């Protein structure tokens, strides 16, 4: 998967734009090939944000050198998640900073017709907590932001909200950390 910045992605979905979100992609992350990757296939994917719930077409590209395929994921989305990065960060803000209960959050998101369940909230909170060390490492090494106290969930979320454009954070994080934001952390034995 390659996370790509598509300008006005959510606004284009809201306007029901039928155009595919295709981006000319240079370079293969797998073999290091530097040329253009070729269009290969598409698939449909759900996108859920405050403004709309919709299906979008995701473009797949193939490397002509190693034949590896990659999905071009818009930077508003996190791989394997239906909710947008902004929606998930807003949810984490409500829990960790505003100290709202899960029931209150579900009720408030229902106003926007968002399909949130306790399972979604639990998953996002768990993924955030297991990725805390990685996120803080990203801040220290690549953004020169040193958080004190170390390990404060509320401080990390506040930093994300105040210092970063969500789409840029998602793209930059996946490139520099070689994993996507809130990816599943595999514990080594």
N, C-alpha and C. Protein backbone atom coordinates (compact mmCIF):
# COMPACT_ATOMS: atom_id res chain seq x y z
N UNK A 1 0.83 -1.18 0.00
CA UNK A 1 0.00 0.00 0.00
C UNK A 1 0.87 1.24 0.00
N UNK A 2 0.45 2.20 -0.77
CA UNK A 2 1.14 3.48 -0.82
C UNK A 2 0.10 4.54 -0.48
N UNK A 3 0.40 5.35 0.53
CA UNK A 3 -0.52 6.42 0.92
C UNK A 3 -0.18 7.66 0.12
N UNK A 4 -1.18 8.21 -0.57
CA UNK A 4 -0.99 9.30 -1.52
C UNK A 4 -1.92 10.46 -1.14
N UNK A 5 -1.40 11.67 -1.27
CA UNK A 5 -2.22 12.85 -0.97
C UNK A 5 -3.07 13.22 -2.19
N UNK A 6 -4.38 13.00 -2.08
CA UNK A 6 -5.34 13.42 -3.10
C UNK A 6 -5.99 14.69 -2.61
N UNK A 7 -5.73 15.83 -3.25
CA UNK A 7 -6.33 17.09 -2.78
C UNK A 7 -7.86 17.01 -2.76
N UNK A 8 -8.44 17.53 -1.70
CA UNK A 8 -9.90 17.64 -1.56
C UNK A 8 -10.62 16.30 -1.72
N UNK A 9 -10.04 15.25 -1.21
CA UNK A 9 -10.61 13.90 -1.37
C UNK A 9 -12.02 13.81 -0.79
N UNK A 10 -12.21 14.24 0.45
CA UNK A 10 -13.53 14.15 1.09
C UNK A 10 -14.53 15.05 0.38
N UNK A 11 -14.12 16.27 0.00
CA UNK A 11 -15.03 17.18 -0.69
C UNK A 11 -15.46 16.60 -2.04
N UNK A 12 -14.55 15.91 -2.72
CA UNK A 12 -14.90 15.29 -3.99
C UNK A 12 -15.89 14.15 -3.80
N UNK A 13 -15.76 13.42 -2.71
CA UNK A 13 -16.73 12.35 -2.42
C UNK A 13 -18.10 12.98 -2.14
N UNK A 14 -18.12 14.05 -1.33
CA UNK A 14 -19.38 14.71 -0.97
C UNK A 14 -20.09 15.22 -2.23
N UNK A 15 -19.32 15.77 -3.17
CA UNK A 15 -19.91 16.26 -4.42
C UNK A 15 -20.27 15.13 -5.37
N UNK A 16 -20.04 13.89 -4.92
CA UNK A 16 -20.37 12.69 -5.69
C UNK A 16 -19.63 12.66 -7.03
N UNK A 17 -18.37 13.05 -6.96
CA UNK A 17 -17.54 13.02 -8.16
C UNK A 17 -17.32 11.59 -8.60
N UNK A 18 -17.56 11.32 -9.85
CA UNK A 18 -17.43 9.96 -10.37
C UNK A 18 -16.01 9.62 -10.80
N UNK A 19 -15.13 10.62 -10.79
CA UNK A 19 -13.78 10.35 -11.26
C UNK A 19 -13.04 9.43 -10.29
N UNK A 20 -12.22 8.58 -10.84
CA UNK A 20 -11.39 7.72 -10.01
C UNK A 20 -10.28 8.55 -9.39
N UNK A 21 -9.85 8.16 -8.23
CA UNK A 21 -8.77 8.85 -7.56
C UNK A 21 -7.47 8.18 -8.00
N UNK A 22 -6.95 8.62 -9.12
CA UNK A 22 -5.71 8.03 -9.63
C UNK A 22 -4.60 9.05 -9.55
N UNK A 23 -3.46 8.58 -9.17
CA UNK A 23 -2.28 9.40 -9.00
C UNK A 23 -1.14 8.70 -9.74
N UNK A 24 -0.40 9.43 -10.56
CA UNK A 24 0.76 8.82 -11.21
C UNK A 24 1.79 8.54 -10.12
N UNK A 25 2.13 7.29 -9.96
CA UNK A 25 3.02 6.90 -8.87
C UNK A 25 4.38 6.51 -9.44
N UNK A 26 5.42 7.13 -8.88
CA UNK A 26 6.79 6.83 -9.27
C UNK A 26 7.44 6.00 -8.17
N UNK A 27 8.13 4.97 -8.52
CA UNK A 27 8.94 4.22 -7.56
C UNK A 27 8.20 3.12 -6.85
N UNK A 28 8.88 1.98 -6.77
CA UNK A 28 8.34 0.80 -6.08
C UNK A 28 9.00 0.67 -4.73
N UNK A 29 8.20 0.56 -3.68
CA UNK A 29 8.73 0.38 -2.33
C UNK A 29 9.35 -1.00 -2.15
N UNK A 30 8.96 -1.93 -3.00
CA UNK A 30 9.42 -3.31 -2.86
C UNK A 30 10.83 -3.53 -3.43
N UNK A 31 11.06 -3.08 -4.68
CA UNK A 31 12.33 -3.38 -5.34
C UNK A 31 13.20 -2.15 -5.60
N UNK A 32 12.64 -0.96 -5.39
CA UNK A 32 13.41 0.26 -5.61
C UNK A 32 13.36 0.80 -7.03
N UNK A 33 12.56 0.20 -7.89
CA UNK A 33 12.38 0.68 -9.25
C UNK A 33 11.97 2.14 -9.22
N UNK A 34 12.59 2.99 -10.06
CA UNK A 34 12.34 4.42 -10.00
C UNK A 34 11.36 4.98 -11.00
N UNK A 35 10.90 4.18 -11.94
CA UNK A 35 9.99 4.67 -12.97
C UNK A 35 8.54 4.68 -12.53
N UNK A 36 7.66 4.94 -13.51
CA UNK A 36 6.22 4.95 -13.24
C UNK A 36 5.71 3.54 -13.00
N UNK A 37 4.83 3.42 -12.02
CA UNK A 37 4.11 2.17 -11.82
C UNK A 37 2.89 2.21 -12.73
N UNK A 38 2.46 1.08 -13.22
CA UNK A 38 1.37 1.02 -14.18
C UNK A 38 0.04 0.70 -13.51
N UNK A 39 -1.04 1.28 -14.05
CA UNK A 39 -2.38 0.94 -13.56
C UNK A 39 -2.59 -0.56 -13.71
N UNK A 40 -3.21 -1.14 -12.69
CA UNK A 40 -3.36 -2.59 -12.71
C UNK A 40 -4.82 -3.03 -12.50
N UNK A 41 -5.46 -2.49 -11.49
CA UNK A 41 -6.83 -2.91 -11.16
C UNK A 41 -7.44 -1.87 -10.23
N UNK A 42 -8.68 -2.09 -9.84
CA UNK A 42 -9.34 -1.24 -8.85
C UNK A 42 -10.15 -2.14 -7.92
N UNK A 43 -10.52 -1.57 -6.78
CA UNK A 43 -11.47 -2.23 -5.89
C UNK A 43 -12.27 -1.16 -5.16
N UNK A 44 -13.41 -1.55 -4.64
CA UNK A 44 -14.29 -0.63 -3.91
C UNK A 44 -13.99 -0.72 -2.41
N UNK A 45 -14.14 0.42 -1.75
CA UNK A 45 -13.88 0.48 -0.33
C UNK A 45 -14.82 1.49 0.31
N UNK A 46 -15.25 1.22 1.54
CA UNK A 46 -16.11 2.14 2.28
C UNK A 46 -15.28 3.24 2.91
N UNK A 47 -15.87 4.44 2.94
CA UNK A 47 -15.28 5.59 3.63
C UNK A 47 -16.36 6.18 4.51
N UNK A 48 -16.05 6.34 5.79
CA UNK A 48 -17.00 6.91 6.74
C UNK A 48 -16.36 8.13 7.39
N UNK A 49 -17.01 9.29 7.24
CA UNK A 49 -16.56 10.50 7.92
C UNK A 49 -17.81 11.24 8.42
N UNK A 50 -17.60 12.37 9.06
CA UNK A 50 -18.75 13.09 9.61
C UNK A 50 -19.72 13.53 8.52
N UNK A 51 -19.18 13.89 7.37
CA UNK A 51 -20.02 14.44 6.32
C UNK A 51 -20.78 13.39 5.51
N UNK A 52 -20.20 12.20 5.35
CA UNK A 52 -20.78 11.24 4.42
C UNK A 52 -20.26 9.83 4.69
N UNK A 53 -21.05 8.87 4.31
CA UNK A 53 -20.62 7.48 4.23
C UNK A 53 -20.76 7.09 2.77
N UNK A 54 -19.67 6.60 2.19
CA UNK A 54 -19.68 6.36 0.76
C UNK A 54 -18.75 5.22 0.39
N UNK A 55 -18.87 4.77 -0.85
CA UNK A 55 -17.93 3.80 -1.42
C UNK A 55 -17.09 4.54 -2.45
N UNK A 56 -15.79 4.27 -2.42
CA UNK A 56 -14.88 4.89 -3.38
C UNK A 56 -14.09 3.80 -4.10
N UNK A 57 -13.59 4.16 -5.25
CA UNK A 57 -12.77 3.25 -6.02
C UNK A 57 -11.31 3.49 -5.69
N UNK A 58 -10.63 2.44 -5.27
CA UNK A 58 -9.20 2.51 -4.96
C UNK A 58 -8.43 1.93 -6.14
N UNK A 59 -7.45 2.66 -6.60
CA UNK A 59 -6.63 2.23 -7.74
C UNK A 59 -5.48 1.35 -7.25
N UNK A 60 -5.21 0.29 -7.98
CA UNK A 60 -4.04 -0.55 -7.73
C UNK A 60 -3.07 -0.33 -8.89
N UNK A 61 -1.78 -0.32 -8.57
CA UNK A 61 -0.73 -0.19 -9.58
C UNK A 61 0.21 -1.38 -9.45
N UNK A 62 0.95 -1.65 -10.53
CA UNK A 62 1.89 -2.76 -10.54
C UNK A 62 3.26 -2.26 -10.98
N UNK A 63 4.29 -2.79 -10.36
CA UNK A 63 5.66 -2.46 -10.72
C UNK A 63 6.06 -3.32 -11.93
N UNK A 64 6.51 -2.68 -13.01
CA UNK A 64 6.90 -3.47 -14.19
C UNK A 64 8.18 -4.28 -13.97
N UNK A 65 8.92 -3.95 -12.93
CA UNK A 65 10.18 -4.63 -12.65
C UNK A 65 9.98 -5.90 -11.82
N UNK A 66 9.35 -5.78 -10.64
CA UNK A 66 9.21 -6.93 -9.74
C UNK A 66 7.80 -7.53 -9.76
N UNK A 67 6.85 -6.88 -10.44
CA UNK A 67 5.46 -7.34 -10.57
C UNK A 67 4.67 -7.24 -9.26
N UNK A 68 5.17 -6.55 -8.27
CA UNK A 68 4.46 -6.33 -7.00
C UNK A 68 3.35 -5.30 -7.23
N UNK A 69 2.16 -5.57 -6.68
CA UNK A 69 1.07 -4.61 -6.79
C UNK A 69 0.95 -3.79 -5.51
N UNK A 70 0.49 -2.57 -5.67
CA UNK A 70 0.31 -1.64 -4.55
C UNK A 70 -1.05 -0.96 -4.71
N UNK A 71 -1.76 -0.77 -3.61
CA UNK A 71 -2.98 0.03 -3.62
C UNK A 71 -2.59 1.48 -3.32
N UNK A 72 -3.19 2.42 -4.05
CA UNK A 72 -2.97 3.84 -3.79
C UNK A 72 -4.07 4.33 -2.86
N UNK A 73 -3.75 4.45 -1.59
CA UNK A 73 -4.72 4.81 -0.54
C UNK A 73 -4.69 6.32 -0.32
N UNK A 74 -5.83 7.01 -0.43
CA UNK A 74 -5.86 8.45 -0.13
C UNK A 74 -5.43 8.72 1.31
N UNK A 75 -4.71 9.81 1.51
CA UNK A 75 -4.14 10.11 2.82
C UNK A 75 -5.20 10.42 3.89
N UNK A 76 -6.44 10.62 3.50
CA UNK A 76 -7.51 10.80 4.47
C UNK A 76 -7.87 9.47 5.15
N UNK A 77 -7.45 8.37 4.55
CA UNK A 77 -7.80 7.04 5.04
C UNK A 77 -6.60 6.35 5.66
N UNK A 78 -6.90 5.46 6.58
CA UNK A 78 -5.89 4.60 7.17
C UNK A 78 -6.14 3.20 6.61
N UNK A 79 -5.11 2.53 6.12
CA UNK A 79 -5.33 1.18 5.57
C UNK A 79 -6.07 0.27 6.56
N UNK A 80 -7.03 -0.46 6.05
CA UNK A 80 -7.85 -1.43 6.78
C UNK A 80 -8.87 -0.79 7.73
N UNK A 81 -9.02 0.52 7.72
CA UNK A 81 -10.01 1.21 8.55
C UNK A 81 -11.01 1.89 7.62
N UNK A 82 -12.30 1.86 7.99
CA UNK A 82 -13.32 2.54 7.19
C UNK A 82 -13.44 4.01 7.56
N UNK A 83 -13.27 4.34 8.84
CA UNK A 83 -13.38 5.73 9.29
C UNK A 83 -12.12 6.49 8.87
N UNK A 84 -12.29 7.78 8.55
CA UNK A 84 -11.16 8.61 8.13
C UNK A 84 -10.24 8.89 9.32
N UNK A 85 -9.03 9.31 9.03
CA UNK A 85 -8.07 9.62 10.10
C UNK A 85 -8.59 10.76 10.98
N UNK A 86 -9.23 11.76 10.38
CA UNK A 86 -9.76 12.87 11.18
C UNK A 86 -10.85 12.40 12.14
N UNK A 87 -11.71 11.51 11.68
CA UNK A 87 -12.78 10.99 12.53
C UNK A 87 -12.20 10.18 13.69
N UNK A 88 -11.20 9.38 13.42
CA UNK A 88 -10.59 8.56 14.48
C UNK A 88 -9.86 9.45 15.49
N UNK A 89 -9.12 10.45 15.03
CA UNK A 89 -8.43 11.35 15.95
C UNK A 89 -9.43 12.14 16.78
N UNK A 90 -10.54 12.55 16.17
CA UNK A 90 -11.59 13.25 16.92
C UNK A 90 -12.16 12.34 18.01
N UNK A 91 -12.39 11.08 17.68
CA UNK A 91 -12.87 10.10 18.65
C UNK A 91 -11.88 9.97 19.81
N UNK A 92 -10.59 9.84 19.49
CA UNK A 92 -9.57 9.71 20.53
C UNK A 92 -9.49 10.97 21.39
N UNK A 93 -9.72 12.13 20.77
CA UNK A 93 -9.74 13.39 21.53
C UNK A 93 -10.89 13.39 22.53
N UNK A 94 -12.07 12.96 22.09
CA UNK A 94 -13.23 12.93 22.99
C UNK A 94 -13.00 12.01 24.18
N UNK A 95 -12.31 10.91 23.97
CA UNK A 95 -12.07 9.95 25.05
C UNK A 95 -10.96 10.41 25.97
N UNK A 96 -9.81 10.80 25.40
CA UNK A 96 -8.62 11.07 26.21
C UNK A 96 -8.50 12.49 26.73
N UNK A 97 -9.07 13.45 26.05
CA UNK A 97 -8.95 14.84 26.48
C UNK A 97 -10.23 15.33 27.14
N UNK A 98 -11.35 15.07 26.47
CA UNK A 98 -12.63 15.55 27.00
C UNK A 98 -13.28 14.56 27.95
N UNK A 99 -12.68 13.37 28.08
CA UNK A 99 -13.10 12.33 29.04
C UNK A 99 -14.57 11.94 28.89
N UNK A 100 -15.04 11.85 27.65
CA UNK A 100 -16.42 11.44 27.42
C UNK A 100 -16.52 9.91 27.45
N UNK A 101 -17.67 9.44 27.87
CA UNK A 101 -17.90 8.00 27.92
C UNK A 101 -18.16 7.47 26.51
N UNK A 102 -17.97 6.16 26.34
CA UNK A 102 -18.23 5.54 25.04
C UNK A 102 -19.68 5.76 24.62
N UNK A 103 -20.61 5.62 25.55
CA UNK A 103 -22.04 5.79 25.23
C UNK A 103 -22.33 7.21 24.74
N UNK A 104 -21.75 8.20 25.40
CA UNK A 104 -21.93 9.60 24.99
C UNK A 104 -21.36 9.84 23.60
N UNK A 105 -20.22 9.25 23.32
CA UNK A 105 -19.58 9.41 22.01
C UNK A 105 -20.44 8.79 20.92
N UNK A 106 -20.91 7.57 21.16
CA UNK A 106 -21.76 6.89 20.17
C UNK A 106 -23.00 7.73 19.88
N UNK A 107 -23.60 8.27 20.94
CA UNK A 107 -24.79 9.10 20.80
C UNK A 107 -24.49 10.36 19.98
N UNK A 108 -23.36 11.02 20.26
CA UNK A 108 -23.04 12.26 19.54
C UNK A 108 -22.69 11.99 18.08
N UNK A 109 -22.04 10.87 17.79
CA UNK A 109 -21.71 10.55 16.40
C UNK A 109 -22.93 10.09 15.62
N UNK A 110 -23.94 9.58 16.29
CA UNK A 110 -25.18 9.18 15.60
C UNK A 110 -25.86 10.39 14.96
N UNK A 111 -25.65 11.59 15.55
CA UNK A 111 -26.22 12.81 14.97
C UNK A 111 -25.72 13.02 13.55
N UNK A 112 -24.49 12.59 13.31
CA UNK A 112 -23.90 12.74 11.98
C UNK A 112 -24.11 11.50 11.13
N UNK A 113 -24.92 10.57 11.63
CA UNK A 113 -25.22 9.33 10.92
C UNK A 113 -23.97 8.46 10.74
N UNK A 114 -23.06 8.55 11.69
CA UNK A 114 -21.86 7.72 11.64
C UNK A 114 -22.13 6.38 12.29
N UNK A 115 -21.70 5.34 11.65
CA UNK A 115 -21.90 4.01 12.21
C UNK A 115 -20.71 3.66 13.10
N UNK A 116 -20.80 4.04 14.35
CA UNK A 116 -19.80 3.71 15.35
C UNK A 116 -20.40 2.73 16.32
N UNK A 117 -19.62 1.78 16.74
CA UNK A 117 -20.07 0.83 17.75
C UNK A 117 -19.03 0.79 18.85
N UNK A 118 -19.35 0.09 19.93
CA UNK A 118 -18.37 -0.08 21.00
C UNK A 118 -17.14 -0.80 20.48
N UNK A 119 -17.34 -1.72 19.54
CA UNK A 119 -16.22 -2.45 18.96
C UNK A 119 -15.25 -1.53 18.22
N UNK A 120 -15.81 -0.58 17.43
CA UNK A 120 -14.96 0.38 16.74
C UNK A 120 -14.14 1.19 17.74
N UNK A 121 -14.82 1.73 18.74
CA UNK A 121 -14.15 2.58 19.72
C UNK A 121 -13.07 1.79 20.44
N UNK A 122 -13.40 0.59 20.89
CA UNK A 122 -12.41 -0.24 21.60
C UNK A 122 -11.20 -0.53 20.72
N UNK A 123 -11.43 -0.85 19.45
CA UNK A 123 -10.33 -1.14 18.53
C UNK A 123 -9.43 0.08 18.37
N UNK A 124 -10.02 1.25 18.13
CA UNK A 124 -9.22 2.45 17.90
C UNK A 124 -8.43 2.84 19.14
N UNK A 125 -9.05 2.73 20.31
CA UNK A 125 -8.35 3.05 21.56
C UNK A 125 -7.21 2.06 21.79
N UNK A 126 -7.47 0.78 21.57
CA UNK A 126 -6.43 -0.24 21.76
C UNK A 126 -5.27 -0.02 20.78
N UNK A 127 -5.59 0.22 19.52
CA UNK A 127 -4.54 0.45 18.52
C UNK A 127 -3.72 1.69 18.86
N UNK A 128 -4.40 2.74 19.33
CA UNK A 128 -3.68 3.96 19.69
C UNK A 128 -2.73 3.69 20.85
N UNK A 129 -3.20 2.99 21.87
CA UNK A 129 -2.36 2.71 23.03
C UNK A 129 -1.17 1.83 22.67
N UNK A 130 -1.38 0.83 21.81
CA UNK A 130 -0.27 -0.05 21.43
C UNK A 130 0.72 0.64 20.48
N UNK A 131 0.30 1.73 19.85
CA UNK A 131 1.17 2.48 18.95
C UNK A 131 1.79 3.72 19.59
N UNK A 132 1.51 3.96 20.85
CA UNK A 132 2.00 5.18 21.52
C UNK A 132 3.52 5.34 21.39
N UNK A 133 4.27 4.27 21.65
CA UNK A 133 5.74 4.38 21.56
C UNK A 133 6.18 4.75 20.16
N UNK A 134 5.56 4.15 19.15
CA UNK A 134 5.91 4.45 17.76
C UNK A 134 5.58 5.90 17.40
N UNK A 135 4.41 6.37 17.83
CA UNK A 135 4.00 7.73 17.52
C UNK A 135 4.93 8.73 18.20
N UNK A 136 5.26 8.48 19.46
CA UNK A 136 6.18 9.38 20.16
C UNK A 136 7.57 9.34 19.52
N UNK A 137 8.01 8.17 19.07
CA UNK A 137 9.29 8.04 18.36
C UNK A 137 9.25 8.88 17.08
N UNK A 138 8.17 8.79 16.33
CA UNK A 138 8.01 9.58 15.11
C UNK A 138 8.13 11.07 15.43
N UNK A 139 7.45 11.51 16.49
CA UNK A 139 7.51 12.93 16.87
C UNK A 139 8.96 13.34 17.19
N UNK A 140 9.65 12.52 18.02
CA UNK A 140 11.01 12.87 18.44
C UNK A 140 11.99 12.89 17.27
N UNK A 141 12.01 11.83 16.48
CA UNK A 141 13.03 11.66 15.45
C UNK A 141 12.76 12.48 14.19
N UNK A 142 11.52 12.49 13.74
CA UNK A 142 11.24 13.11 12.44
C UNK A 142 10.63 14.50 12.54
N UNK A 143 10.08 14.87 13.69
CA UNK A 143 9.43 16.17 13.82
C UNK A 143 10.09 17.04 14.88
N UNK A 144 11.08 16.48 15.58
CA UNK A 144 11.80 17.20 16.63
C UNK A 144 10.85 17.73 17.71
N UNK A 145 9.85 16.93 18.06
CA UNK A 145 8.90 17.28 19.11
C UNK A 145 9.11 16.31 20.26
N UNK A 146 9.48 16.85 21.41
CA UNK A 146 9.73 16.03 22.59
C UNK A 146 8.60 16.22 23.58
N UNK A 147 7.83 15.17 23.79
CA UNK A 147 6.64 15.26 24.63
C UNK A 147 6.98 14.99 26.09
N UNK A 148 6.50 15.85 26.96
CA UNK A 148 6.65 15.65 28.40
C UNK A 148 5.29 15.84 29.04
N UNK A 149 4.76 15.00 29.86
CA UNK A 149 5.38 13.74 30.29
C UNK A 149 5.29 12.69 29.20
N UNK A 150 6.28 11.84 29.14
CA UNK A 150 6.36 10.77 28.16
C UNK A 150 5.22 9.78 28.42
N UNK A 151 4.53 9.35 27.39
CA UNK A 151 3.47 8.36 27.55
C UNK A 151 2.09 8.94 27.84
N UNK A 152 1.94 10.26 27.76
CA UNK A 152 0.65 10.89 28.02
C UNK A 152 -0.20 10.83 26.75
N UNK A 153 -1.26 10.04 26.78
CA UNK A 153 -2.14 9.89 25.61
C UNK A 153 -2.77 11.21 25.21
N UNK A 154 -3.22 11.97 26.20
CA UNK A 154 -3.85 13.26 25.91
C UNK A 154 -2.87 14.21 25.24
N UNK A 155 -1.61 14.21 25.68
CA UNK A 155 -0.60 15.09 25.10
C UNK A 155 -0.30 14.70 23.66
N UNK A 156 -0.25 13.40 23.38
CA UNK A 156 0.01 12.94 22.02
C UNK A 156 -1.11 13.38 21.09
N UNK A 157 -2.36 13.21 21.52
CA UNK A 157 -3.50 13.60 20.68
C UNK A 157 -3.52 15.11 20.47
N UNK A 158 -3.27 15.88 21.53
CA UNK A 158 -3.23 17.34 21.41
C UNK A 158 -2.15 17.76 20.42
N UNK A 159 -0.99 17.10 20.47
CA UNK A 159 0.10 17.41 19.54
C UNK A 159 -0.31 17.10 18.11
N UNK A 160 -0.96 15.96 17.90
CA UNK A 160 -1.42 15.60 16.56
C UNK A 160 -2.37 16.66 16.03
N UNK A 161 -3.32 17.07 16.86
CA UNK A 161 -4.34 18.03 16.43
C UNK A 161 -3.74 19.41 16.15
N UNK A 162 -2.84 19.86 17.03
CA UNK A 162 -2.32 21.22 16.93
C UNK A 162 -1.15 21.40 15.96
N UNK A 163 -0.38 20.36 15.74
CA UNK A 163 0.86 20.53 14.97
C UNK A 163 0.81 19.95 13.56
N UNK A 164 -0.19 19.13 13.27
CA UNK A 164 -0.15 18.41 12.01
C UNK A 164 -1.44 18.55 11.22
N UNK A 165 -1.31 18.59 9.92
CA UNK A 165 -2.42 18.38 9.01
C UNK A 165 -2.58 16.86 8.95
N UNK A 166 -3.78 16.34 9.17
CA UNK A 166 -3.98 14.89 9.28
C UNK A 166 -3.49 14.13 8.06
N UNK A 167 -3.78 14.65 6.88
CA UNK A 167 -3.38 13.95 5.66
C UNK A 167 -1.86 13.91 5.52
N UNK A 168 -1.20 15.04 5.83
CA UNK A 168 0.26 15.07 5.76
C UNK A 168 0.87 14.13 6.80
N UNK A 169 0.30 14.11 7.99
CA UNK A 169 0.79 13.21 9.04
C UNK A 169 0.69 11.76 8.57
N UNK A 170 -0.44 11.38 8.01
CA UNK A 170 -0.66 10.01 7.58
C UNK A 170 0.33 9.62 6.48
N UNK A 171 0.53 10.49 5.50
CA UNK A 171 1.46 10.21 4.40
C UNK A 171 2.90 10.14 4.91
N UNK A 172 3.30 11.14 5.68
CA UNK A 172 4.67 11.21 6.18
C UNK A 172 4.98 10.06 7.14
N UNK A 173 4.03 9.75 8.02
CA UNK A 173 4.22 8.67 8.99
C UNK A 173 4.44 7.34 8.27
N UNK A 174 3.62 7.05 7.28
CA UNK A 174 3.74 5.76 6.58
C UNK A 174 5.06 5.68 5.80
N UNK A 175 5.51 6.79 5.27
CA UNK A 175 6.76 6.80 4.53
C UNK A 175 7.97 6.62 5.45
N UNK A 176 8.00 7.38 6.53
CA UNK A 176 9.17 7.37 7.41
C UNK A 176 9.19 6.21 8.39
N UNK A 177 8.03 5.74 8.79
CA UNK A 177 7.98 4.66 9.79
C UNK A 177 7.83 3.28 9.13
N UNK A 178 7.63 3.25 7.85
CA UNK A 178 7.46 2.02 7.08
C UNK A 178 6.31 1.16 7.62
N UNK A 179 5.31 1.82 8.15
CA UNK A 179 4.05 1.17 8.55
C UNK A 179 3.00 2.27 8.58
N UNK A 180 1.75 1.89 8.54
CA UNK A 180 0.72 2.90 8.53
C UNK A 180 0.33 3.32 9.94
N UNK A 181 -0.26 4.50 10.05
CA UNK A 181 -0.69 5.05 11.34
C UNK A 181 -1.72 4.12 11.96
N UNK A 182 -1.55 3.78 13.21
CA UNK A 182 -2.41 2.86 13.97
C UNK A 182 -2.37 1.43 13.43
N UNK A 183 -1.25 1.04 12.86
CA UNK A 183 -1.13 -0.33 12.35
C UNK A 183 -1.09 -1.32 13.50
N UNK A 184 -1.40 -2.54 13.17
CA UNK A 184 -1.40 -3.60 14.17
C UNK A 184 0.04 -3.85 14.61
N UNK A 185 0.26 -3.81 15.93
CA UNK A 185 1.59 -4.03 16.47
C UNK A 185 1.70 -5.50 16.84
N UNK A 186 2.71 -6.16 16.28
CA UNK A 186 2.94 -7.57 16.58
C UNK A 186 3.97 -7.63 17.69
N UNK A 187 3.58 -8.21 18.81
CA UNK A 187 4.50 -8.33 19.94
C UNK A 187 5.43 -9.51 19.70
N UNK A 188 6.73 -9.27 19.83
CA UNK A 188 7.71 -10.33 19.65
C UNK A 188 7.92 -11.07 20.96
N UNK A 189 8.07 -12.38 20.84
CA UNK A 189 8.25 -13.20 22.04
C UNK A 189 9.69 -13.28 22.43
